[in-house]
């Protein structure tokens, strides 16, 4: 072991410190990706669990708004996201919302949201589904939106958490239009308090217009995060193994076990006939 005393020199102690820091950072990155994998797995499990079963009353999953008109209520608990709920109210045709730039089967179109005004005066935004742009126009051409049913309506659908981002809300041809379903921004344009989640429509009484296509719910790619976990942890192990290999090579050189090979005189080698 005396040949390894060089590891106690400042130079090698510095190399060790850098190696340990690098390995620790890689382990932490792997742990972070592991947490992301677990989060996405939980989301996928909730999506699968919400695909069937008896829908619960809205109030059992989504809390009522507590503010006044133009405000969004509290977000539901994570366990309530993607679960099936039912609610009854009346649609407000004066505040239909077009969500542009939505793709279904490689076709860009619109999702159409309508406020379902409940008995307490609050509104639940219901995503009626996806429709293509109007014929003969581009992807942003205002679609032909089927009329809303009048009178009392009962809906069943999935609880969808609010989206984030977006560039704000505007009006076009009498309808609100946005790029993202950001509930706090949409609520400012509406004359009632809005729930802190919206609903992806599954069923409706009376029935939804057949022109709408159901919005598909995609699963999160949790296996990609698991791959990153393995990748970062392998990098951390390789860093430590690499330090040990370099240290061993230095020790063998210091002990004279790895002597440099003499240069080969290629000119002195016999020439092999072609």
C-alpha atoms as a PDB file:
ATOM      1  CA  UNK A   1       0.000   0.000   0.000  1.00  0.00           C
ATOM      2  CA  UNK A   2       2.866   2.530   0.385  1.00  0.00           C
ATOM      3  CA  UNK A   3       2.715   3.063  -3.377  1.00  0.00           C
ATOM      4  CA  UNK A   4      -0.680   4.681  -2.875  1.00  0.00           C
ATOM      5  CA  UNK A   5       0.630   7.382  -0.573  1.00  0.00           C
ATOM      6  CA  UNK A   6       0.509   9.787  -3.518  1.00  0.00           C
ATOM      7  CA  UNK A   7      -3.282   9.819  -3.050  1.00  0.00           C
ATOM      8  CA  UNK A   8      -2.704  12.014   0.024  1.00  0.00           C
ATOM      9  CA  UNK A   9      -0.959  14.729  -1.944  1.00  0.00           C
ATOM     10  CA  UNK A  10      -2.906  17.971  -2.549  1.00  0.00           C
ATOM     11  CA  UNK A  11      -3.181  17.231  -6.257  1.00  0.00           C
ATOM     12  CA  UNK A  12      -4.781  13.840  -5.811  1.00  0.00           C
ATOM     13  CA  UNK A  13      -6.957  14.998  -2.917  1.00  0.00           C
ATOM     14  CA  UNK A  14      -8.267  17.697  -5.245  1.00  0.00           C
ATOM     15  CA  UNK A  15      -8.966  15.124  -7.953  1.00  0.00           C
ATOM     16  CA  UNK A  16     -10.790  12.964  -5.384  1.00  0.00           C
ATOM     17  CA  UNK A  17     -12.899  15.911  -4.235  1.00  0.00           C
ATOM     18  CA  UNK A  18     -13.892  16.765  -7.807  1.00  0.00           C
ATOM     19  CA  UNK A  19     -14.693  13.117  -8.494  1.00  0.00           C
ATOM     20  CA  UNK A  20     -16.913  12.824  -5.417  1.00  0.00           C
ATOM     21  CA  UNK A  21     -18.704  16.083  -6.202  1.00  0.00           C
ATOM     22  CA  UNK A  22     -19.333  15.006  -9.796  1.00  0.00           C
ATOM     23  CA  UNK A  23     -20.617  11.593  -8.692  1.00  0.00           C
ATOM     24  CA  UNK A  24     -22.847  13.173  -6.042  1.00  0.00           C
ATOM     25  CA  UNK A  25     -24.355  15.580  -8.581  1.00  0.00           C
ATOM     26  CA  UNK A  26     -25.066  12.685 -10.956  1.00  0.00           C
ATOM     27  CA  UNK A  27     -26.714  10.688  -8.166  1.00  0.00           C
ATOM     28  CA  UNK A  28     -28.894  13.693  -7.279  1.00  0.00           C
ATOM     29  CA  UNK A  29     -29.885  14.105 -10.928  1.00  0.00           C
ATOM     30  CA  UNK A  30     -30.814  10.427 -10.994  1.00  0.00           C
ATOM     31  CA  UNK A  31     -32.883  10.866  -7.825  1.00  0.00           C
ATOM     32  CA  UNK A  32     -34.667  13.835  -9.391  1.00  0.00           C
ATOM     33  CA  UNK A  33     -35.513  11.810 -12.472  1.00  0.00           C
ATOM     34  CA  UNK A  34     -36.714   9.002 -10.197  1.00  0.00           C
ATOM     35  CA  UNK A  35     -39.105  11.434  -8.503  1.00  0.00           C
ATOM     36  CA  UNK A  36     -40.351  12.544 -11.930  1.00  0.00           C
ATOM     37  CA  UNK A  37     -40.835   8.893 -12.897  1.00  0.00           C
ATOM     38  CA  UNK A  38     -42.909   8.294  -9.759  1.00  0.00           C
ATOM     39  CA  UNK A  39     -44.991  11.439 -10.357  1.00  0.00           C
ATOM     40  CA  UNK A  40     -45.739  10.504 -13.950  1.00  0.00           C
ATOM     41  CA  UNK A  41     -46.493   6.925 -12.990  1.00  0.00           C
ATOM     42  CA  UNK A  42     -49.026   8.196 -10.451  1.00  0.00           C
ATOM     43  CA  UNK A  43     -50.649  10.375 -13.145  1.00  0.00           C
ATOM     44  CA  UNK A  44     -50.890   7.408 -15.526  1.00  0.00           C
ATOM     45  CA  UNK A  45     -52.431   5.289 -12.783  1.00  0.00           C
ATOM     46  CA  UNK A  46     -55.050   7.981 -12.117  1.00  0.00           C
ATOM     47  CA  UNK A  47     -55.833   8.186 -15.842  1.00  0.00           C
ATOM     48  CA  UNK A  48     -56.303   4.411 -16.007  1.00  0.00           C
ATOM     49  CA  UNK A  49     -58.368   4.346 -12.819  1.00  0.00           C
ATOM     50  CA  UNK A  50     -60.654   7.092 -14.128  1.00  0.00           C
ATOM     51  CA  UNK A  51     -61.474   5.252 -17.350  1.00  0.00           C
ATOM     52  CA  UNK A  52     -64.385   3.428 -15.737  1.00  0.00           C
ATOM     53  CA  UNK A  53     -66.480   3.190 -12.643  1.00  0.00           C
ATOM     54  CA  UNK A  54     -69.396   5.221 -11.355  1.00  0.00           C
ATOM     55  CA  UNK A  55     -68.849   8.991 -11.650  1.00  0.00           C
ATOM     56  CA  UNK A  56     -68.780  10.894  -8.375  1.00  0.00           C
ATOM     57  CA  UNK A  57     -70.666  14.147  -7.727  1.00  0.00           C
ATOM     58  CA  UNK A  58     -68.613  17.168  -8.750  1.00  0.00           C
ATOM     59  CA  UNK A  59     -68.410  18.467  -5.186  1.00  0.00           C
ATOM     60  CA  UNK A  60     -66.773  15.225  -4.014  1.00  0.00           C
ATOM     61  CA  UNK A  61     -63.797  15.874  -6.301  1.00  0.00           C
ATOM     62  CA  UNK A  62     -63.622  19.587  -7.102  1.00  0.00           C
ATOM     63  CA  UNK A  63     -64.095  22.262  -4.410  1.00  0.00           C
ATOM     64  CA  UNK A  64     -66.527  25.081  -5.083  1.00  0.00           C
ATOM     65  CA  UNK A  65     -65.118  28.513  -5.966  1.00  0.00           C
ATOM     66  CA  UNK A  66     -64.859  30.805  -2.963  1.00  0.00           C
ATOM     67  CA  UNK A  67     -64.323  34.129  -4.738  1.00  0.00           C
ATOM     68  CA  UNK A  68     -66.596  36.392  -6.706  1.00  0.00           C
ATOM     69  CA  UNK A  69     -67.219  36.779 -10.407  1.00  0.00           C
ATOM     70  CA  UNK A  70     -64.084  36.695 -12.539  1.00  0.00           C
ATOM     71  CA  UNK A  71     -62.102  34.449 -10.201  1.00  0.00           C
ATOM     72  CA  UNK A  72     -61.057  30.801 -10.385  1.00  0.00           C
ATOM     73  CA  UNK A  73     -61.575  28.436  -7.482  1.00  0.00           C
ATOM     74  CA  UNK A  74     -58.995  26.246  -5.770  1.00  0.00           C
ATOM     75  CA  UNK A  75     -57.443  23.394  -7.697  1.00  0.00           C
ATOM     76  CA  UNK A  76     -58.616  19.896  -6.826  1.00  0.00           C
ATOM     77  CA  UNK A  77     -56.389  17.476  -4.981  1.00  0.00           C
ATOM     78  CA  UNK A  78     -54.013  15.459  -7.154  1.00  0.00           C
ATOM     79  CA  UNK A  79     -55.981  12.313  -6.328  1.00  0.00           C
ATOM     80  CA  UNK A  80     -59.072  13.858  -7.955  1.00  0.00           C
ATOM     81  CA  UNK A  81     -57.397  14.684 -11.265  1.00  0.00           C
ATOM     82  CA  UNK A  82     -58.615  12.533 -14.188  1.00  0.00           C
ATOM     83  CA  UNK A  83     -61.410  11.011 -12.093  1.00  0.00           C
ATOM     84  CA  UNK A  84     -64.954  10.870 -13.497  1.00  0.00           C
ATOM     85  CA  UNK A  85     -67.516  13.275 -12.080  1.00  0.00           C
ATOM     86  CA  UNK A  86     -71.031  14.363 -12.914  1.00  0.00           C
ATOM     87  CA  UNK A  87     -72.672  17.770 -12.710  1.00  0.00           C
ATOM     88  CA  UNK A  88     -75.969  19.370 -13.715  1.00  0.00           C
ATOM     89  CA  UNK A  89     -76.602  22.929 -14.856  1.00  0.00           C
ATOM     90  CA  UNK A  90     -77.345  25.155 -17.845  1.00  0.00           C
ATOM     91  CA  UNK A  91     -74.905  26.113 -20.591  1.00  0.00           C
ATOM     92  CA  UNK A  92     -74.128  29.774 -21.209  1.00  0.00           C
ATOM     93  CA  UNK A  93     -74.040  30.228 -25.021  1.00  0.00           C
ATOM     94  CA  UNK A  94     -72.745  33.819 -24.763  1.00  0.00           C
ATOM     95  CA  UNK A  95     -69.347  32.768 -23.410  1.00  0.00           C
ATOM     96  CA  UNK A  96     -68.270  29.811 -25.548  1.00  0.00           C
ATOM     97  CA  UNK A  97     -64.465  29.417 -25.618  1.00  0.00           C
ATOM     98  CA  UNK A  98     -62.427  28.264 -28.620  1.00  0.00           C
ATOM     99  CA  UNK A  99     -59.053  26.716 -27.831  1.00  0.00           C
ATOM    100  CA  UNK A 100     -57.025  26.932 -31.028  1.00  0.00           C
ATOM    101  CA  UNK A 101     -54.038  24.920 -32.193  1.00  0.00           C
ATOM    102  CA  UNK A 102     -55.219  21.554 -30.854  1.00  0.00           C
ATOM    103  CA  UNK A 103     -54.154  18.445 -32.772  1.00  0.00           C
ATOM    104  CA  UNK A 104     -56.097  15.204 -33.088  1.00  0.00           C
ATOM    105  CA  UNK A 105     -54.881  12.532 -35.518  1.00  0.00           C
ATOM    106  CA  UNK A 106     -52.359  14.993 -37.009  1.00  0.00           C
ATOM    107  CA  UNK A 107     -55.066  17.533 -37.851  1.00  0.00           C
ATOM    108  CA  UNK A 108     -54.959  20.953 -36.198  1.00  0.00           C
ATOM    109  CA  UNK A 109     -58.307  22.239 -35.031  1.00  0.00           C
ATOM    110  CA  UNK A 110     -60.126  23.585 -32.002  1.00  0.00           C
ATOM    111  CA  UNK A 111     -61.390  22.363 -28.673  1.00  0.00           C
ATOM    112  CA  UNK A 112     -64.671  23.998 -27.662  1.00  0.00           C
ATOM    113  CA  UNK A 113     -65.348  24.837 -24.032  1.00  0.00           C
ATOM    114  CA  UNK A 114     -68.706  25.978 -22.696  1.00  0.00           C
ATOM    115  CA  UNK A 115     -69.479  27.267 -19.182  1.00  0.00           C
ATOM    116  CA  UNK A 116     -71.990  25.053 -17.386  1.00  0.00           C
ATOM    117  CA  UNK A 117     -73.646  27.361 -14.850  1.00  0.00           C
ATOM    118  CA  UNK A 118     -74.610  25.421 -11.722  1.00  0.00           C
ATOM    119  CA  UNK A 119     -77.420  26.065  -9.249  1.00  0.00           C
ATOM    120  CA  UNK A 120     -75.127  28.039  -6.919  1.00  0.00           C
ATOM    121  CA  UNK A 121     -74.222  30.484  -9.702  1.00  0.00           C
ATOM    122  CA  UNK A 122     -70.688  29.182 -10.249  1.00  0.00           C
ATOM    123  CA  UNK A 123     -69.570  27.763 -13.587  1.00  0.00           C
ATOM    124  CA  UNK A 124     -67.762  24.599 -14.609  1.00  0.00           C
ATOM    125  CA  UNK A 125     -65.969  24.808 -17.956  1.00  0.00           C
ATOM    126  CA  UNK A 126     -66.861  21.736 -20.018  1.00  0.00           C
ATOM    127  CA  UNK A 127     -64.678  20.705 -22.958  1.00  0.00           C
ATOM    128  CA  UNK A 128     -67.290  19.519 -25.458  1.00  0.00           C
ATOM    129  CA  UNK A 129     -64.620  18.007 -27.710  1.00  0.00           C
ATOM    130  CA  UNK A 130     -62.535  18.704 -30.799  1.00  0.00           C
ATOM    131  CA  UNK A 131     -63.724  19.992 -34.172  1.00  0.00           C
ATOM    132  CA  UNK A 132     -61.769  20.863 -37.337  1.00  0.00           C
ATOM    133  CA  UNK A 133     -61.503  24.384 -38.790  1.00  0.00           C
ATOM    134  CA  UNK A 134     -64.171  25.559 -41.204  1.00  0.00           C
ATOM    135  CA  UNK A 135     -63.806  24.001 -44.680  1.00  0.00           C
ATOM    136  CA  UNK A 136     -61.692  25.911 -47.168  1.00  0.00           C
ATOM    137  CA  UNK A 137     -59.619  27.760 -44.599  1.00  0.00           C
ATOM    138  CA  UNK A 138     -56.424  27.301 -42.670  1.00  0.00           C
ATOM    139  CA  UNK A 139     -55.829  25.772 -39.269  1.00  0.00           C
ATOM    140  CA  UNK A 140     -56.934  28.990 -37.514  1.00  0.00           C
ATOM    141  CA  UNK A 141     -60.155  29.493 -39.480  1.00  0.00           C
ATOM    142  CA  UNK A 142     -63.088  29.803 -37.077  1.00  0.00           C
ATOM    143  CA  UNK A 143     -64.926  26.463 -37.034  1.00  0.00           C
ATOM    144  CA  UNK A 144     -68.632  25.861 -37.392  1.00  0.00           C
ATOM    145  CA  UNK A 145     -69.546  25.258 -33.749  1.00  0.00           C
ATOM    146  CA  UNK A 146     -72.721  23.232 -33.113  1.00  0.00           C
ATOM    147  CA  UNK A 147     -75.301  24.981 -30.949  1.00  0.00           C
ATOM    148  CA  UNK A 148     -75.472  24.267 -27.253  1.00  0.00           C
ATOM    149  CA  UNK A 149     -78.471  22.384 -25.859  1.00  0.00           C
ATOM    150  CA  UNK A 150     -80.948  24.545 -24.003  1.00  0.00           C
ATOM    151  CA  UNK A 151     -82.438  23.838 -20.619  1.00  0.00           C
ATOM    152  CA  UNK A 152     -80.975  21.651 -17.905  1.00  0.00           C
ATOM    153  CA  UNK A 153     -78.007  19.515 -18.911  1.00  0.00           C
ATOM    154  CA  UNK A 154     -76.243  16.708 -17.052  1.00  0.00           C
ATOM    155  CA  UNK A 155     -72.624  15.996 -17.940  1.00  0.00           C
ATOM    156  CA  UNK A 156     -70.171  13.241 -17.075  1.00  0.00           C
ATOM    157  CA  UNK A 157     -66.469  13.691 -17.698  1.00  0.00           C
ATOM    158  CA  UNK A 158     -62.871  13.644 -16.513  1.00  0.00           C
ATOM    159  CA  UNK A 159     -61.457  16.248 -14.152  1.00  0.00           C
ATOM    160  CA  UNK A 160     -58.691  18.063 -16.046  1.00  0.00           C
ATOM    161  CA  UNK A 161     -56.295  20.342 -14.122  1.00  0.00           C
ATOM    162  CA  UNK A 162     -55.759  23.862 -15.378  1.00  0.00           C
ATOM    163  CA  UNK A 163     -53.087  24.372 -18.006  1.00  0.00           C
ATOM    164  CA  UNK A 164     -50.343  26.954 -17.639  1.00  0.00           C
ATOM    165  CA  UNK A 165     -48.858  29.569 -19.911  1.00  0.00           C
ATOM    166  CA  UNK A 166     -50.635  30.986 -22.906  1.00  0.00           C
ATOM    167  CA  UNK A 167     -50.671  34.515 -24.304  1.00  0.00           C
ATOM    168  CA  UNK A 168     -53.997  35.635 -22.902  1.00  0.00           C
ATOM    169  CA  UNK A 169     -57.624  35.556 -23.991  1.00  0.00           C
ATOM    170  CA  UNK A 170     -59.349  37.511 -26.779  1.00  0.00           C
ATOM    171  CA  UNK A 171     -62.667  37.569 -28.590  1.00  0.00           C
ATOM    172  CA  UNK A 172     -63.320  36.667 -32.212  1.00  0.00           C
ATOM    173  CA  UNK A 173     -66.754  36.550 -33.828  1.00  0.00           C
ATOM    174  CA  UNK A 174     -68.383  36.846 -30.432  1.00  0.00           C
ATOM    175  CA  UNK A 175     -66.513  33.939 -28.882  1.00  0.00           C
ATOM    176  CA  UNK A 176     -63.631  33.881 -26.454  1.00  0.00           C
ATOM    177  CA  UNK A 177     -60.457  32.439 -27.955  1.00  0.00           C
ATOM    178  CA  UNK A 178     -57.264  31.228 -26.319  1.00  0.00           C
ATOM    179  CA  UNK A 179     -54.307  28.935 -26.891  1.00  0.00           C
ATOM    180  CA  UNK A 180     -54.183  27.377 -23.447  1.00  0.00           C
ATOM    181  CA  UNK A 181     -56.922  26.486 -20.959  1.00  0.00           C
ATOM    182  CA  UNK A 182     -55.520  28.644 -18.182  1.00  0.00           C
ATOM    183  CA  UNK A 183     -58.470  28.940 -15.832  1.00  0.00           C
ATOM    184  CA  UNK A 184     -57.442  32.049 -13.920  1.00  0.00           C
ATOM    185  CA  UNK A 185     -57.056  33.985 -17.191  1.00  0.00           C
ATOM    186  CA  UNK A 186     -60.320  32.688 -18.614  1.00  0.00           C
ATOM    187  CA  UNK A 187     -62.156  33.457 -15.385  1.00  0.00           C
ATOM    188  CA  UNK A 188     -61.368  37.177 -15.748  1.00  0.00           C
ATOM    189  CA  UNK A 189     -63.446  37.227 -18.938  1.00  0.00           C
ATOM    190  CA  UNK A 190     -66.481  35.506 -17.409  1.00  0.00           C
ATOM    191  CA  UNK A 191     -69.307  36.940 -15.278  1.00  0.00           C
ATOM    192  CA  UNK A 192     -69.262  34.255 -12.591  1.00  0.00           C
ATOM    193  CA  UNK A 193     -66.766  32.363 -10.417  1.00  0.00           C
ATOM    194  CA  UNK A 194     -65.174  29.414 -12.199  1.00  0.00           C
ATOM    195  CA  UNK A 195     -64.094  26.067 -10.796  1.00  0.00           C
ATOM    196  CA  UNK A 196     -60.357  25.393 -10.485  1.00  0.00           C
ATOM    197  CA  UNK A 197     -60.469  22.478 -12.957  1.00  0.00           C
ATOM    198  CA  UNK A 198     -62.368  21.836 -16.163  1.00  0.00           C
ATOM    199  CA  UNK A 199     -64.140  18.769 -17.503  1.00  0.00           C
ATOM    200  CA  UNK A 200     -63.330  16.591 -20.520  1.00  0.00           C
ATOM    201  CA  UNK A 201     -66.783  15.508 -21.613  1.00  0.00           C
ATOM    202  CA  UNK A 202     -67.518  11.768 -21.782  1.00  0.00           C
ATOM    203  CA  UNK A 203     -71.325  11.729 -21.725  1.00  0.00           C
ATOM    204  CA  UNK A 204     -74.078  14.292 -21.784  1.00  0.00           C
ATOM    205  CA  UNK A 205     -77.863  14.373 -21.362  1.00  0.00           C
ATOM    206  CA  UNK A 206     -79.164  15.495 -23.820  1.00  0.00           C
ATOM    207  CA  UNK A 207     -76.493  13.924 -26.026  1.00  0.00           C
ATOM    208  CA  UNK A 208     -73.533  15.907 -27.295  1.00  0.00           C
ATOM    209  CA  UNK A 209     -73.481  16.854 -30.973  1.00  0.00           C
ATOM    210  CA  UNK A 210     -71.832  14.076 -33.072  1.00  0.00           C
ATOM    211  CA  UNK A 211     -69.689  16.674 -34.851  1.00  0.00           C
ATOM    212  CA  UNK A 212     -67.412  16.702 -31.814  1.00  0.00           C
ATOM    213  CA  UNK A 213     -64.622  14.191 -31.356  1.00  0.00           C
ATOM    214  CA  UNK A 214     -63.570  13.160 -27.885  1.00  0.00           C
ATOM    215  CA  UNK A 215     -60.298  14.711 -26.770  1.00  0.00           C
ATOM    216  CA  UNK A 216     -57.781  11.867 -26.290  1.00  0.00           C
ATOM    217  CA  UNK A 217     -55.982  11.634 -22.969  1.00  0.00           C
ATOM    218  CA  UNK A 218     -52.324  10.822 -23.464  1.00  0.00           C
ATOM    219  CA  UNK A 219     -50.245   8.992 -20.882  1.00  0.00           C
ATOM    220  CA  UNK A 220     -47.082  10.609 -19.576  1.00  0.00           C
ATOM    221  CA  UNK A 221     -43.841   9.064 -20.844  1.00  0.00           C
ATOM    222  CA  UNK A 222     -42.611   7.842 -17.469  1.00  0.00           C
ATOM    223  CA  UNK A 223     -40.235   5.247 -18.956  1.00  0.00           C
ATOM    224  CA  UNK A 224     -38.105   8.016 -20.418  1.00  0.00           C
ATOM    225  CA  UNK A 225     -37.525   9.320 -16.890  1.00  0.00           C
ATOM    226  CA  UNK A 226     -36.625   5.835 -15.681  1.00  0.00           C
ATOM    227  CA  UNK A 227     -34.062   5.598 -18.486  1.00  0.00           C
ATOM    228  CA  UNK A 228     -32.524   8.874 -17.315  1.00  0.00           C
ATOM    229  CA  UNK A 229     -32.327   7.470 -13.764  1.00  0.00           C
ATOM    230  CA  UNK A 230     -30.275   4.505 -14.940  1.00  0.00           C
ATOM    231  CA  UNK A 231     -28.149   6.746 -17.158  1.00  0.00           C
ATOM    232  CA  UNK A 232     -27.177   9.200 -14.396  1.00  0.00           C
ATOM    233  CA  UNK A 233     -26.455   6.471 -11.872  1.00  0.00           C
ATOM    234  CA  UNK A 234     -24.258   4.610 -14.373  1.00  0.00           C
ATOM    235  CA  UNK A 235     -22.371   7.850 -15.042  1.00  0.00           C
ATOM    236  CA  UNK A 236     -21.831   8.278 -11.293  1.00  0.00           C
ATOM    237  CA  UNK A 237     -20.475   4.726 -10.988  1.00  0.00           C
ATOM    238  CA  UNK A 238     -18.233   5.207 -14.034  1.00  0.00           C
ATOM    239  CA  UNK A 239     -16.810   8.381 -12.499  1.00  0.00           C
ATOM    240  CA  UNK A 240     -15.779   6.529  -9.335  1.00  0.00           C
ATOM    241  CA  UNK A 241     -14.471   3.532 -11.267  1.00  0.00           C
ATOM    242  CA  UNK A 242     -12.517   5.876 -13.533  1.00  0.00           C
ATOM    243  CA  UNK A 243     -10.860   7.522 -10.534  1.00  0.00           C
ATOM    244  CA  UNK A 244      -9.861   4.118  -9.172  1.00  0.00           C
ATOM    245  CA  UNK A 245      -8.482   2.997 -12.536  1.00  0.00           C
ATOM    246  CA  UNK A 246      -6.365   6.139 -12.962  1.00  0.00           C
ATOM    247  CA  UNK A 247      -5.087   5.840  -9.379  1.00  0.00           C
ATOM    248  CA  UNK A 248      -4.141   2.193  -9.884  1.00  0.00           C
ATOM    249  CA  UNK A 249      -2.323   2.988 -13.120  1.00  0.00           C
ATOM    250  CA  UNK A 250      -0.369   5.735 -11.360  1.00  0.00           C
ATOM    251  CA  UNK A 251       0.509   3.348  -8.509  1.00  0.00           C
ATOM    252  CA  UNK A 252       1.762   0.675 -10.909  1.00  0.00           C
ATOM    253  CA  UNK A 253       3.853   3.241 -12.750  1.00  0.00           C
ATOM    254  CA  UNK A 254       5.372   4.486  -9.465  1.00  0.00           C
ATOM    255  CA  UNK A 255       6.166   0.899  -8.460  1.00  0.00           C
ATOM    256  CA  UNK A 256       7.897   0.262 -11.792  1.00  0.00           C
ATOM    257  CA  UNK A 257       5.385  -2.375 -12.828  1.00  0.00           C
ATOM    258  CA  UNK A 258       4.329  -0.557 -15.932  1.00  0.00           C
ATOM    259  CA  UNK A 259       7.602   0.343 -17.624  1.00  0.00           C
ATOM    260  CA  UNK A 260       7.442   2.344 -20.811  1.00  0.00           C
ATOM    261  CA  UNK A 261       8.035   0.259 -23.900  1.00  0.00           C
ATOM    262  CA  UNK A 262      11.100   1.115 -26.005  1.00  0.00           C
ATOM    263  CA  UNK A 263      10.346   2.686 -29.370  1.00  0.00           C
ATOM    264  CA  UNK A 264      10.088   0.254 -32.243  1.00  0.00           C
ATOM    265  CA  UNK A 265      12.584   0.783 -35.070  1.00  0.00           C
ATOM    266  CA  UNK A 266      10.425   0.102 -38.079  1.00  0.00           C
ATOM    267  CA  UNK A 267      13.353   0.662 -40.460  1.00  0.00           C
ATOM    268  CA  UNK A 268      15.180  -2.321 -38.992  1.00  0.00           C
ATOM    269  CA  UNK A 269      12.293  -4.684 -39.609  1.00  0.00           C
ATOM    270  CA  UNK A 270      12.654  -7.024 -42.591  1.00  0.00           C
ATOM    271  CA  UNK A 271      10.658  -6.091 -45.617  1.00  0.00           C
ATOM    272  CA  UNK A 272       8.070  -8.661 -46.606  1.00  0.00           C
ATOM    273  CA  UNK A 273       7.930  -9.228 -50.366  1.00  0.00           C
ATOM    274  CA  UNK A 274       4.652  -8.261 -51.976  1.00  0.00           C
END
